[in-house]
Protein backbone atom coordinates (compact mmCIF):
# COMPACT_ATOMS: atom_id res chain seq x y z
CA MET A 1 3.48 -6.93 38.83
CA THR A 2 3.39 -3.61 37.04
CA ALA A 3 3.51 -0.47 39.11
CA THR A 4 0.37 1.27 40.21
CA ILE A 5 -0.07 4.56 38.39
CA PRO A 6 -2.40 7.51 38.95
CA THR A 7 -5.60 7.13 36.96
CA SER A 8 -6.08 10.79 36.08
CA ASP A 9 -8.72 10.12 33.43
CA ALA A 10 -10.72 8.05 35.89
CA SER A 11 -10.28 10.60 38.68
CA GLN A 12 -11.55 13.42 36.51
CA ALA A 13 -14.48 11.35 35.24
CA ILE A 14 -15.43 10.21 38.75
CA ALA A 15 -15.20 13.77 40.05
CA ARG A 16 -17.84 14.77 37.49
CA LEU A 17 -20.16 11.90 38.35
CA HIS A 18 -23.49 12.19 40.11
CA THR A 19 -23.29 9.73 43.01
CA ASP A 20 -26.75 10.20 44.49
CA LEU A 21 -29.84 8.10 43.81
CA PHE A 22 -31.68 8.81 40.55
CA ILE A 23 -35.44 8.87 41.11
CA ASP A 24 -38.12 10.41 38.88
CA GLY A 25 -35.55 12.26 36.82
CA GLN A 26 -33.78 13.82 39.82
CA TRP A 27 -30.48 13.10 41.53
CA ARG A 28 -31.19 12.99 45.27
CA PRO A 29 -29.40 11.79 48.41
CA ALA A 30 -30.62 8.74 50.27
CA GLU A 31 -33.56 9.56 52.50
CA ALA A 32 -31.56 8.80 55.64
CA GLY A 33 -28.46 10.56 54.29
CA ALA A 34 -26.45 7.31 54.36
CA THR A 35 -23.48 6.77 52.04
CA PHE A 36 -20.84 4.14 51.29
CA THR A 37 -17.37 4.24 49.79
CA VAL A 38 -16.29 2.64 46.52
CA GLU A 39 -12.68 1.44 46.47
CA ASN A 40 -10.11 0.65 43.79
CA PRO A 41 -9.36 -3.11 44.07
CA ALA A 42 -5.83 -2.60 42.74
CA THR A 43 -4.85 -0.16 45.47
CA GLY A 44 -7.49 -0.31 48.18
CA GLN A 45 -7.82 3.47 47.88
CA PRO A 46 -11.25 5.17 47.97
CA LEU A 47 -12.66 6.41 44.68
CA ALA A 48 -16.02 7.96 45.55
CA VAL A 49 -18.75 8.21 48.16
CA VAL A 50 -22.12 6.97 46.90
CA ALA A 51 -25.66 7.29 48.28
CA ASP A 52 -26.72 4.23 50.28
CA GLY A 53 -30.40 3.69 49.53
CA SER A 54 -32.95 2.13 51.89
CA ALA A 55 -36.36 0.48 51.62
CA ALA A 56 -37.93 3.96 51.77
CA ASP A 57 -35.86 5.05 48.77
CA ALA A 58 -36.83 1.85 47.01
CA ARG A 59 -40.52 2.67 47.51
CA SER A 60 -40.05 6.12 46.02
CA ALA A 61 -38.20 4.72 43.02
CA LEU A 62 -40.81 2.07 42.26
CA GLN A 63 -43.67 4.52 42.73
CA ALA A 64 -42.04 6.77 40.14
CA ALA A 65 -41.73 3.86 37.73
CA ALA A 66 -45.37 2.88 38.29
CA ASP A 67 -46.58 6.47 37.84
CA HIS A 68 -44.85 6.83 34.48
CA GLN A 69 -45.58 3.37 33.06
CA ALA A 70 -48.76 4.21 31.15
CA ALA A 71 -47.32 7.29 29.48
CA TRP A 72 -44.07 5.53 28.59
CA ALA A 73 -45.90 2.52 27.14
CA ALA A 74 -47.90 4.88 24.93
CA THR A 75 -44.79 6.36 23.28
CA SER A 76 -44.07 5.37 19.71
CA PRO A 77 -41.63 2.54 19.00
CA ARG A 78 -39.63 4.93 16.82
CA SER A 79 -39.12 7.43 19.64
CA ARG A 80 -37.90 4.69 21.98
CA SER A 81 -35.61 3.43 19.23
CA GLU A 82 -34.10 6.88 18.72
CA ILE A 83 -33.39 7.30 22.43
CA LEU A 84 -31.49 4.00 22.48
CA TYR A 85 -29.57 4.88 19.35
CA ARG A 86 -28.55 8.27 20.76
CA ALA A 87 -27.40 6.52 23.94
CA TYR A 88 -25.38 4.08 21.83
CA GLN A 89 -23.67 6.97 20.06
CA LEU A 90 -22.95 8.79 23.32
CA ILE A 91 -21.36 5.67 24.81
CA MET A 92 -19.16 5.18 21.75
CA ASP A 93 -18.13 8.83 21.91
CA ARG A 94 -16.99 8.34 25.51
CA VAL A 95 -15.29 4.93 25.37
CA ASP A 96 -12.07 6.05 27.05
CA GLU A 97 -13.86 7.84 29.89
CA ILE A 98 -16.24 4.97 30.65
CA ALA A 99 -13.46 2.39 30.44
CA SER A 100 -11.27 4.35 32.86
CA VAL A 101 -14.07 4.47 35.44
CA MET A 102 -14.76 0.77 35.01
CA THR A 103 -11.10 -0.16 35.43
CA ALA A 104 -10.79 2.01 38.52
CA GLU A 105 -13.74 0.46 40.34
CA MET A 106 -13.49 -3.21 39.33
CA GLY A 107 -9.95 -3.77 38.11
CA LYS A 108 -10.07 -5.13 34.57
CA PRO A 109 -7.28 -3.91 32.25
CA LEU A 110 -8.13 -0.82 30.23
CA ALA A 111 -8.01 -2.63 26.89
CA GLU A 112 -10.55 -5.15 28.16
CA ALA A 113 -12.69 -2.40 29.67
CA LYS A 114 -12.81 -0.66 26.29
CA GLY A 115 -13.91 -3.93 24.74
CA GLU A 116 -16.74 -4.17 27.26
CA VAL A 117 -17.85 -0.62 26.50
CA ALA A 118 -18.14 -1.43 22.80
CA TYR A 119 -19.91 -4.72 23.57
CA GLY A 120 -22.28 -3.08 26.02
CA ALA A 121 -23.11 -0.21 23.67
CA GLU A 122 -24.06 -2.71 21.00
CA PHE A 123 -27.05 -3.86 23.09
CA PHE A 124 -28.51 -0.37 22.80
CA ARG A 125 -28.02 -0.38 19.03
CA TRP A 126 -29.48 -3.88 18.72
CA PHE A 127 -32.57 -3.11 20.76
CA ALA A 128 -32.98 0.27 19.03
CA GLU A 129 -33.60 -1.84 15.93
CA GLU A 130 -35.81 -4.35 17.74
CA ALA A 131 -38.05 -1.61 19.18
CA VAL A 132 -39.64 -0.98 15.78
CA ARG A 133 -40.05 -4.70 15.00
CA ILE A 134 -42.37 -5.74 17.84
CA GLY A 135 -44.84 -7.91 15.98
CA GLY A 136 -48.16 -9.65 16.47
CA ASP A 137 -50.52 -11.88 14.54
CA HIS A 138 -53.87 -11.85 12.80
CA THR A 139 -55.91 -14.80 11.67
CA VAL A 140 -59.45 -16.16 11.40
CA THR A 141 -60.82 -18.95 13.56
CA GLY A 142 -61.42 -22.32 12.01
CA ASP A 143 -65.19 -21.84 11.90
CA GLY A 144 -64.78 -18.52 10.11
CA ASN A 145 -66.81 -16.60 12.68
CA ASN A 146 -64.10 -14.63 14.53
CA ARG A 147 -60.99 -12.66 13.85
CA VAL A 148 -58.06 -13.38 16.17
CA VAL A 149 -55.80 -10.37 16.74
CA VAL A 150 -52.63 -10.97 18.78
CA SER A 151 -50.60 -8.00 20.02
CA LYS A 152 -47.66 -7.54 22.36
CA GLN A 153 -47.56 -5.00 25.15
CA PRO A 154 -44.93 -4.00 27.76
CA VAL A 155 -45.11 -6.12 30.89
CA GLY A 156 -44.95 -3.03 33.11
CA PRO A 157 -42.48 -1.78 35.73
CA CYS A 158 -39.36 -3.98 35.85
CA ILE A 159 -36.79 -4.69 38.53
CA LEU A 160 -33.27 -4.86 37.08
CA ILE A 161 -30.41 -6.22 39.22
CA THR A 162 -26.88 -6.43 37.82
CA PRO A 163 -23.56 -7.90 39.04
CA TRP A 164 -20.19 -6.22 39.48
CA ASN A 165 -18.14 -8.11 36.89
CA PHE A 166 -19.50 -6.42 33.73
CA PRO A 167 -20.87 -3.16 35.13
CA LEU A 168 -21.74 -1.57 31.78
CA ALA A 169 -22.76 -4.53 29.62
CA MET A 170 -25.02 -6.13 32.21
CA GLY A 171 -26.83 -2.82 32.54
CA THR A 172 -27.29 -2.23 28.81
CA ARG A 173 -28.32 -5.86 28.26
CA LYS A 174 -31.31 -5.32 30.59
CA ILE A 175 -32.10 -1.64 30.10
CA GLY A 176 -31.98 -1.89 26.29
CA PRO A 177 -34.87 -4.34 25.83
CA ALA A 178 -36.90 -2.75 28.64
CA VAL A 179 -36.70 0.67 26.98
CA ALA A 180 -37.43 -0.84 23.56
CA ALA A 181 -40.49 -2.67 24.87
CA GLY A 182 -41.89 0.36 26.71
CA CYS A 183 -41.25 -0.71 30.30
CA THR A 184 -40.28 1.60 33.15
CA MET A 185 -37.55 0.37 35.48
CA VAL A 186 -36.03 0.33 38.94
CA PHE A 187 -32.35 -0.55 38.75
CA LYS A 188 -29.99 -1.76 41.48
CA PRO A 189 -26.37 -2.00 40.34
CA ALA A 190 -23.83 -3.95 42.38
CA GLU A 191 -22.45 -2.12 45.41
CA LEU A 192 -18.86 -2.94 44.44
CA THR A 193 -19.16 -1.24 41.02
CA PRO A 194 -21.92 1.40 41.04
CA LEU A 195 -19.95 4.18 39.33
CA THR A 196 -20.17 2.79 35.80
CA ALA A 197 -23.91 2.30 36.23
CA LEU A 198 -24.34 5.88 37.43
CA LEU A 199 -22.37 7.13 34.43
CA LEU A 200 -24.63 5.04 32.16
CA THR A 201 -27.68 6.55 33.84
CA ASP A 202 -26.47 10.06 33.08
CA ILE A 203 -25.85 9.07 29.45
CA LEU A 204 -29.44 7.83 29.12
CA ARG A 205 -30.72 11.06 30.63
CA GLU A 206 -28.64 13.00 28.09
CA ALA A 207 -30.02 10.79 25.31
CA GLY A 208 -33.53 11.94 26.18
CA LEU A 209 -34.95 9.15 28.32
CA PRO A 210 -37.99 10.73 30.03
CA ASP A 211 -38.14 11.29 33.78
CA GLY A 212 -39.28 8.31 35.81
CA VAL A 213 -38.56 5.68 33.16
CA LEU A 214 -35.27 4.62 34.76
CA ASN A 215 -34.87 4.93 38.54
CA VAL A 216 -31.60 3.90 40.19
CA VAL A 217 -31.00 2.94 43.81
CA THR A 218 -27.46 2.15 44.93
CA THR A 219 -27.27 0.34 48.26
CA THR A 220 -25.27 -1.83 50.62
CA ASP A 221 -28.51 -3.48 51.77
CA PRO A 222 -29.81 -5.20 48.62
CA GLY A 223 -32.11 -7.50 50.58
CA SER A 224 -34.06 -4.56 51.96
CA VAL A 225 -34.21 -2.59 48.71
CA VAL A 226 -35.00 -5.48 46.39
CA GLY A 227 -37.30 -7.10 48.94
CA GLU A 228 -39.37 -3.90 48.99
CA TRP A 229 -39.70 -4.03 45.21
CA MET A 230 -40.46 -7.74 45.06
CA SER A 231 -43.28 -7.58 47.62
CA SER A 232 -44.87 -4.36 46.37
CA GLY A 233 -47.24 -5.78 43.79
CA LYS A 234 -46.34 -2.85 41.51
CA ALA A 235 -43.45 -4.48 39.71
CA ARG A 236 -44.37 -6.99 37.02
CA LYS A 237 -40.98 -8.41 36.11
CA VAL A 238 -37.59 -9.05 37.65
CA SER A 239 -34.42 -9.51 35.60
CA PHE A 240 -31.45 -10.67 37.67
CA THR A 241 -27.86 -11.59 36.87
CA GLY A 242 -25.90 -13.07 39.75
CA SER A 243 -25.50 -16.15 41.89
CA THR A 244 -27.80 -19.15 41.77
CA GLU A 245 -28.30 -18.85 45.53
CA VAL A 246 -29.72 -15.33 45.28
CA GLY A 247 -31.64 -16.22 42.14
CA LYS A 248 -33.52 -18.93 44.01
CA ILE A 249 -34.50 -16.45 46.71
CA LEU A 250 -35.82 -14.04 44.08
CA LEU A 251 -37.77 -16.79 42.34
CA GLY A 252 -39.46 -17.59 45.64
CA GLN A 253 -40.32 -13.94 46.17
CA ALA A 254 -41.57 -13.58 42.59
CA ALA A 255 -44.07 -16.35 43.20
CA GLY A 256 -45.91 -14.12 45.68
CA THR A 257 -47.16 -11.84 42.91
CA VAL A 258 -46.66 -14.26 39.97
CA MET A 259 -44.03 -11.94 38.52
CA ARG A 260 -42.30 -12.54 35.19
CA THR A 261 -38.67 -13.56 35.72
CA SER A 262 -35.41 -13.62 33.80
CA MET A 263 -32.57 -15.27 35.70
CA GLU A 264 -28.99 -15.40 34.45
CA LEU A 265 -27.32 -17.34 37.23
CA GLY A 266 -24.12 -19.25 37.94
CA GLY A 267 -22.06 -21.38 35.60
CA ASN A 268 -19.48 -24.14 35.75
CA ALA A 269 -18.45 -24.31 32.12
CA PRO A 270 -16.72 -27.38 30.68
CA PHE A 271 -14.05 -26.82 28.03
CA ILE A 272 -13.49 -30.03 26.07
CA VAL A 273 -10.37 -30.63 23.98
CA CYS A 274 -10.77 -33.80 21.94
CA ALA A 275 -7.91 -35.95 20.68
CA ASP A 276 -8.33 -34.57 17.15
CA ALA A 277 -8.45 -30.91 18.24
CA ASP A 278 -6.17 -28.24 16.81
CA VAL A 279 -4.24 -27.67 20.05
CA ASP A 280 -2.95 -24.22 19.14
CA ARG A 281 -6.47 -23.10 18.30
CA ALA A 282 -7.74 -24.59 21.55
CA ILE A 283 -5.10 -22.65 23.49
CA GLU A 284 -6.31 -19.42 21.92
CA GLY A 285 -9.88 -20.33 22.78
CA VAL A 286 -9.21 -21.28 26.38
CA MET A 287 -7.31 -18.06 26.99
CA VAL A 288 -10.44 -16.15 25.99
CA ALA A 289 -12.86 -18.44 27.82
CA LYS A 290 -10.75 -18.63 30.99
CA MET A 291 -9.07 -15.24 31.31
CA ARG A 292 -11.78 -12.81 30.30
CA ASN A 293 -12.18 -10.46 33.27
CA MET A 294 -9.49 -12.39 35.19
CA GLY A 295 -11.75 -15.46 35.17
CA GLN A 296 -14.52 -13.54 36.94
CA ALA A 297 -17.29 -14.44 34.52
CA CYS A 298 -20.18 -16.89 34.61
CA THR A 299 -19.06 -18.04 31.15
CA ALA A 300 -15.50 -18.79 32.32
CA ALA A 301 -14.05 -22.19 31.44
CA ASN A 302 -13.91 -23.77 34.89
CA ARG A 303 -13.30 -27.43 34.07
CA ILE A 304 -10.88 -28.05 31.21
CA PHE A 305 -11.20 -31.64 30.01
CA VAL A 306 -8.28 -32.60 27.76
CA HIS A 307 -7.83 -35.94 26.00
CA ARG A 308 -4.79 -37.88 27.15
CA ASP A 309 -3.39 -37.95 23.60
CA VAL A 310 -2.89 -34.18 23.63
CA ILE A 311 -2.83 -33.24 27.32
CA GLY A 312 0.96 -32.93 27.53
CA ASP A 313 1.21 -30.54 24.58
CA PHE A 314 -1.86 -28.59 25.71
CA THR A 315 -0.67 -28.19 29.31
CA GLU A 316 2.81 -27.05 28.30
CA LYS A 317 1.49 -24.43 25.90
CA LEU A 318 -1.22 -23.18 28.26
CA ALA A 319 1.26 -22.82 31.13
CA ALA A 320 3.60 -20.83 28.88
CA ARG A 321 0.78 -18.46 27.91
CA MET A 322 -0.70 -18.11 31.40
CA GLY A 323 2.66 -17.77 33.10
CA GLY A 324 3.73 -15.07 30.66
CA LEU A 325 0.84 -12.71 31.39
CA THR A 326 1.60 -9.38 33.05
CA VAL A 327 -0.26 -8.85 36.34
CA GLY A 328 -0.86 -5.39 37.75
CA ASP A 329 -3.12 -2.37 38.09
CA GLY A 330 -5.53 -2.45 35.18
CA ALA A 331 -4.84 1.23 34.53
CA ALA A 332 -1.12 0.58 33.98
CA GLU A 333 0.16 0.28 30.45
CA GLY A 334 0.90 -3.33 29.50
CA THR A 335 -1.23 -4.93 32.21
CA GLN A 336 -2.99 -8.08 30.99
CA VAL A 337 -4.39 -9.35 34.29
CA GLY A 338 -5.84 -6.99 36.86
CA PRO A 339 -6.85 -7.59 40.48
CA LEU A 340 -9.83 -9.60 41.63
CA VAL A 341 -12.68 -7.43 42.79
CA GLU A 342 -12.25 -7.78 46.57
CA GLY A 343 -10.33 -9.61 49.27
CA LYS A 344 -13.01 -12.26 49.71
CA ALA A 345 -12.54 -13.21 46.05
CA THR A 346 -8.81 -13.82 46.43
CA ASP A 347 -9.41 -15.75 49.65
CA LYS A 348 -11.89 -18.00 47.84
CA VAL A 349 -9.53 -18.71 44.93
CA THR A 350 -6.65 -19.42 47.33
CA ALA A 351 -8.77 -21.91 49.26
CA LEU A 352 -9.97 -23.69 46.09
CA VAL A 353 -6.41 -24.10 44.79
CA SER A 354 -5.18 -25.38 48.15
CA ASP A 355 -7.99 -27.93 48.28
CA ALA A 356 -7.22 -29.16 44.75
CA VAL A 357 -3.52 -29.54 45.56
CA ASP A 358 -4.36 -31.42 48.75
CA ARG A 359 -6.37 -33.83 46.58
CA GLY A 360 -3.46 -34.50 44.23
CA ALA A 361 -3.49 -31.67 41.68
CA ARG A 362 -0.12 -30.51 40.41
CA ILE A 363 0.75 -26.82 40.10
CA VAL A 364 2.25 -26.11 36.67
CA CYS A 365 2.47 -22.34 37.13
CA GLY A 366 1.19 -19.62 39.45
CA ALA A 367 -0.57 -20.24 42.78
CA GLU A 368 1.71 -17.88 44.72
CA ARG A 369 -0.46 -15.05 46.01
CA PRO A 370 1.53 -11.78 46.18
CA ASP A 371 1.57 -9.40 49.09
CA GLY A 372 -0.69 -6.34 48.94
CA PRO A 373 -1.80 -3.76 48.29
CA GLY A 374 -4.55 -4.89 46.00
CA HIS A 375 -6.46 -8.12 45.54
CA PHE A 376 -4.19 -9.93 43.11
CA TYR A 377 -3.93 -13.62 42.26
CA PRO A 378 -1.51 -14.89 39.59
CA PRO A 379 -2.66 -16.83 36.49
CA THR A 380 -2.47 -20.46 37.59
CA VAL A 381 -2.52 -23.79 35.78
CA LEU A 382 -3.31 -27.00 37.65
CA THR A 383 -3.20 -30.44 36.09
CA ASP A 384 -4.27 -33.90 37.25
CA VAL A 385 -7.20 -32.29 39.07
CA ASP A 386 -9.31 -34.84 40.91
CA PRO A 387 -13.05 -34.74 40.11
CA SER A 388 -13.75 -34.54 43.85
CA ALA A 389 -11.89 -31.22 44.24
CA ASP A 390 -14.05 -28.30 45.39
CA LEU A 391 -13.19 -26.21 42.34
CA MET A 392 -14.89 -28.85 40.17
CA HIS A 393 -18.19 -28.14 41.90
CA THR A 394 -18.22 -24.36 42.29
CA GLU A 395 -17.50 -21.28 40.22
CA ILE A 396 -13.81 -20.47 40.60
CA PHE A 397 -14.22 -16.80 39.59
CA GLY A 398 -10.49 -16.35 39.29
CA PRO A 399 -7.55 -16.89 36.89
CA VAL A 400 -7.17 -20.62 37.60
CA ALA A 401 -7.19 -23.19 34.77
CA ALA A 402 -8.01 -26.66 36.11
CA ILE A 403 -7.06 -29.42 33.66
CA ILE A 404 -8.70 -32.83 33.95
CA PRO A 405 -7.60 -35.73 31.72
CA PHE A 406 -10.09 -37.97 29.94
CA GLY A 407 -10.06 -40.80 27.45
CA THR A 408 -7.64 -43.59 26.71
CA SER A 409 -4.60 -43.04 24.53
CA GLY A 410 -5.31 -44.74 21.23
CA GLY A 411 -8.63 -46.00 22.67
CA ASP A 412 -12.20 -46.05 21.43
CA ALA A 413 -13.32 -42.55 20.44
CA GLY A 414 -16.97 -43.29 21.16
CA ALA A 415 -16.18 -44.41 24.70
CA ASP A 416 -13.99 -41.33 25.20
CA ASP A 417 -16.85 -39.08 24.11
CA GLU A 418 -19.24 -40.76 26.52
CA GLU A 419 -16.76 -40.36 29.37
CA VAL A 420 -16.23 -36.63 28.83
CA LEU A 421 -19.96 -36.01 28.42
CA ARG A 422 -20.61 -37.72 31.75
CA LEU A 423 -17.95 -35.56 33.42
CA ALA A 424 -19.06 -32.33 31.73
CA ASN A 425 -22.75 -32.81 32.56
CA ASP A 426 -22.08 -33.77 36.17
CA THR A 427 -23.08 -30.38 37.56
CA PRO A 428 -26.30 -28.61 38.55
CA TRP A 429 -25.36 -25.70 36.27
CA GLY A 430 -25.86 -25.52 32.54
CA LEU A 431 -24.90 -22.13 31.15
CA VAL A 432 -22.23 -22.69 28.49
CA GLY A 433 -19.84 -25.34 27.23
CA TYR A 434 -16.86 -25.18 24.88
CA LEU A 435 -15.78 -27.88 22.48
CA TYR A 436 -12.69 -28.27 20.31
CA THR A 437 -12.65 -30.92 17.60
CA GLN A 438 -12.00 -31.07 13.86
CA ASP A 439 -14.66 -33.74 13.33
CA ILE A 440 -17.95 -32.09 12.35
CA ASP A 441 -19.97 -35.16 13.29
CA ARG A 442 -18.42 -35.23 16.76
CA ALA A 443 -19.04 -31.50 17.11
CA ASP A 444 -22.74 -31.98 16.31
CA ARG A 445 -23.07 -35.02 18.56
CA LEU A 446 -21.35 -33.52 21.60
CA SER A 447 -22.98 -30.10 21.17
CA SER A 448 -26.39 -31.75 21.21
CA ALA A 449 -25.58 -33.85 24.28
CA LEU A 450 -24.02 -31.11 26.42
CA GLU A 451 -26.55 -29.95 29.02
CA VAL A 452 -26.05 -26.22 28.54
CA GLY A 453 -27.88 -23.29 26.98
CA MET A 454 -24.94 -22.26 24.76
CA VAL A 455 -22.05 -24.07 23.11
CA GLY A 456 -18.90 -22.60 21.59
CA VAL A 457 -17.50 -24.96 18.92
CA ASN A 458 -13.87 -24.12 18.21
CA THR A 459 -14.36 -20.70 19.79
CA GLY A 460 -13.92 -19.41 23.32
CA LEU A 461 -16.41 -16.55 22.99
CA VAL A 462 -20.18 -17.02 22.86
CA SER A 463 -21.44 -13.61 24.04
CA ASN A 464 -22.95 -11.47 21.30
CA PRO A 465 -25.84 -8.96 21.39
CA ALA A 466 -27.38 -10.69 18.37
CA ALA A 467 -27.53 -14.07 20.14
CA PRO A 468 -29.87 -15.34 22.90
CA PHE A 469 -27.69 -15.54 26.02
CA GLY A 470 -28.84 -17.84 28.83
CA GLY A 471 -28.66 -21.27 30.42
CA ILE A 472 -30.63 -24.27 31.60
CA LYS A 473 -30.82 -26.22 34.87
CA GLU A 474 -29.65 -24.04 37.79
CA SER A 475 -28.02 -21.54 35.45
CA GLY A 476 -31.26 -19.70 34.91
CA LEU A 477 -34.45 -18.93 33.05
CA GLY A 478 -35.08 -16.83 29.96
CA ARG A 479 -32.73 -15.29 27.42
CA GLU A 480 -31.01 -11.94 27.02
CA GLY A 481 -30.00 -10.50 23.67
CA GLY A 482 -30.96 -11.62 20.21
CA ARG A 483 -34.52 -11.54 18.91
CA LEU A 484 -35.71 -13.33 22.06
CA GLY A 485 -34.33 -10.64 24.37
CA ILE A 486 -37.18 -8.19 23.89
CA GLU A 487 -39.82 -10.94 24.25
CA GLU A 488 -38.87 -11.23 27.92
CA PHE A 489 -40.31 -7.73 28.44
CA LEU A 490 -43.54 -8.20 26.48
CA ASP A 491 -46.91 -9.70 27.34
CA VAL A 492 -49.12 -11.28 24.68
CA LYS A 493 -52.72 -10.10 24.36
CA TYR A 494 -55.33 -11.87 22.24
CA VAL A 495 -58.52 -10.10 21.10
CA ALA A 496 -61.43 -12.03 19.56
CA ARG A 497 -63.77 -10.08 17.30
CA PRO A 498 -66.80 -11.48 15.47
CA ILE A 499 -66.73 -11.13 11.72
CA ALA A 500 -69.62 -9.02 10.47
CA ARG A 501 -71.79 -10.79 7.92
């Protein structure tokens, strides 16, 4: 492990941060004066004290959003576009500062944090362009007696709930289309990583976002805060990224007021390496799909299915790459793998690996959890993983590559494809799948048959602001990003008007 070093850039940036609630354009303490401490997962040291909002604060925030909705909806698309574009420019001007705060509070290496900042900023630029392209329709009824005019209007006040693993990008991916569409918002960032979200809030204020359009409540009691919003009748949409378990609770609550929902939930991504795959290319792809954010991503390659003809070569090369990664404080120069976000995360990964080994998996590298401080787990490769192992049926959310063999050496390719499809689709989740083959017909056939919302063919990266991100089955509802992203924040209105004769 690399040595822990002082994060002076992060310390200075955090010292300048507003850490109160942001309601109706004002930074204010929680009504009850409560606070909580944000810690650095690499050191366990405190970083900042943040306001701990309550149901009363939630009511104030949502009332502000409701009060400003009509005026905000009436603003011109161009003005909303220009606010988003200014925010994009401000983010790009402050990449190093934002990345240092992100690394300090959630652990990812600085280079990766900078990549997230650029990725997250791009959602603001994308939706700045979409704001002025909100369309409609006009036609004449079949009998020629009426004009049909179809327009799109903002759905109204929105509840935005983001996870800790991508604290900037998950915020911009929701805030961007809401601003572009003309919706006001109440925003609850994750309690483990609120500092990046608070910095983003200040950037939007600097970019000219009017008071009351974005209202932010940080809290250690999300059930109380979000429950207040969900039951209010004032919010018209909820956009949530997080676990399937919590998503199901929110869907039940949304039914009470028939609220629009966007749910980006859990994943259990298959990564398929066919017998004809370019193994070196597949290794590059799996390193991206598995190790992004130390494996703490819903898009992470959880179940790596490798054909028996190439499994030996693939396993050897993957173990060499994984075992050679440098683990340490994300702020330290040369670190490639930072800590997991909290102790519960490392405990979970440790238990999943132990269970797999008990069921016959073989450790190729890693699996030796270091002593503290910090919540570290080494990059680990397991092979001969039994399909009954717990890690086959849950999100690992850690740097563990589980390799499962499939197919028969020199056997029937069609039968091999059917076997791996059965294994890959044997999950309640359906977010993303990855596929490596040099046969275009096989790529088309398997891509079509995989029960997921996104497929990466010969690539380990599917996330892009220009593409519709989302899953099927228990991985969620709706899409974020792409041309569909703004539609999630728009209602359709149809007006019939008789044609004068």
